[in-house]
Amino acid sequence: TYLRCLPSSVDDRGKSVIVSMLALTEQRAAPTALQTD
């Protein structure tokens, strides 16, 4: 879904980097439920 929002001029490598960055951002913004001890 992220790729549809990106310009078509961005190559696959650039899209992969952007998607990875978005994934990291979502993980940081997500609640710390996964860090339960």
Protein backbone atom coordinates (compact mmCIF):
# COMPACT_ATOMS: atom_id res chain seq x y z
CA THR A 1 0.00 0.00 0.00
CA TYR A 2 2.93 2.30 0.71
CA LEU A 3 4.27 1.83 -2.81
CA ARG A 4 1.12 3.28 -4.32
CA CYS A 5 1.72 6.56 -2.51
CA LEU A 6 5.27 6.84 -3.81
CA PRO A 7 6.13 8.51 -7.11
CA SER A 8 6.68 6.15 -10.01
CA SER A 9 10.15 7.67 -10.49
CA VAL A 10 11.36 5.98 -7.31
CA ASP A 11 13.12 2.72 -8.11
CA ASP A 12 12.57 -0.57 -6.29
CA ARG A 13 15.62 -0.04 -4.10
CA GLY A 14 14.37 3.36 -3.00
CA LYS A 15 10.92 1.93 -2.29
CA SER A 16 12.42 -0.84 -0.19
CA VAL A 17 14.37 1.68 1.87
CA ILE A 18 11.32 3.88 2.39
CA VAL A 19 9.12 0.93 3.34
CA SER A 20 11.78 -0.23 5.80
CA MET A 21 11.92 3.23 7.35
CA LEU A 22 8.13 3.34 7.63
CA ALA A 23 8.13 -0.09 9.27
CA LEU A 24 10.68 1.07 11.84
CA THR A 25 8.62 4.18 12.50
CA GLU A 26 5.50 2.10 13.09
CA GLN A 27 7.37 -0.20 15.47
CA ARG A 28 8.62 2.78 17.47
CA ALA A 29 5.14 4.33 17.57
CA ALA A 30 3.49 1.03 18.51
CA PRO A 31 2.75 0.30 22.18
CA THR A 32 5.37 -1.59 24.13
CA ALA A 33 3.18 -4.68 24.41
CA LEU A 34 5.85 -6.78 22.71
CA GLN A 35 8.36 -5.89 25.42
CA THR A 36 6.42 -7.61 28.22
CA ASP A 37 8.74 -9.50 30.55
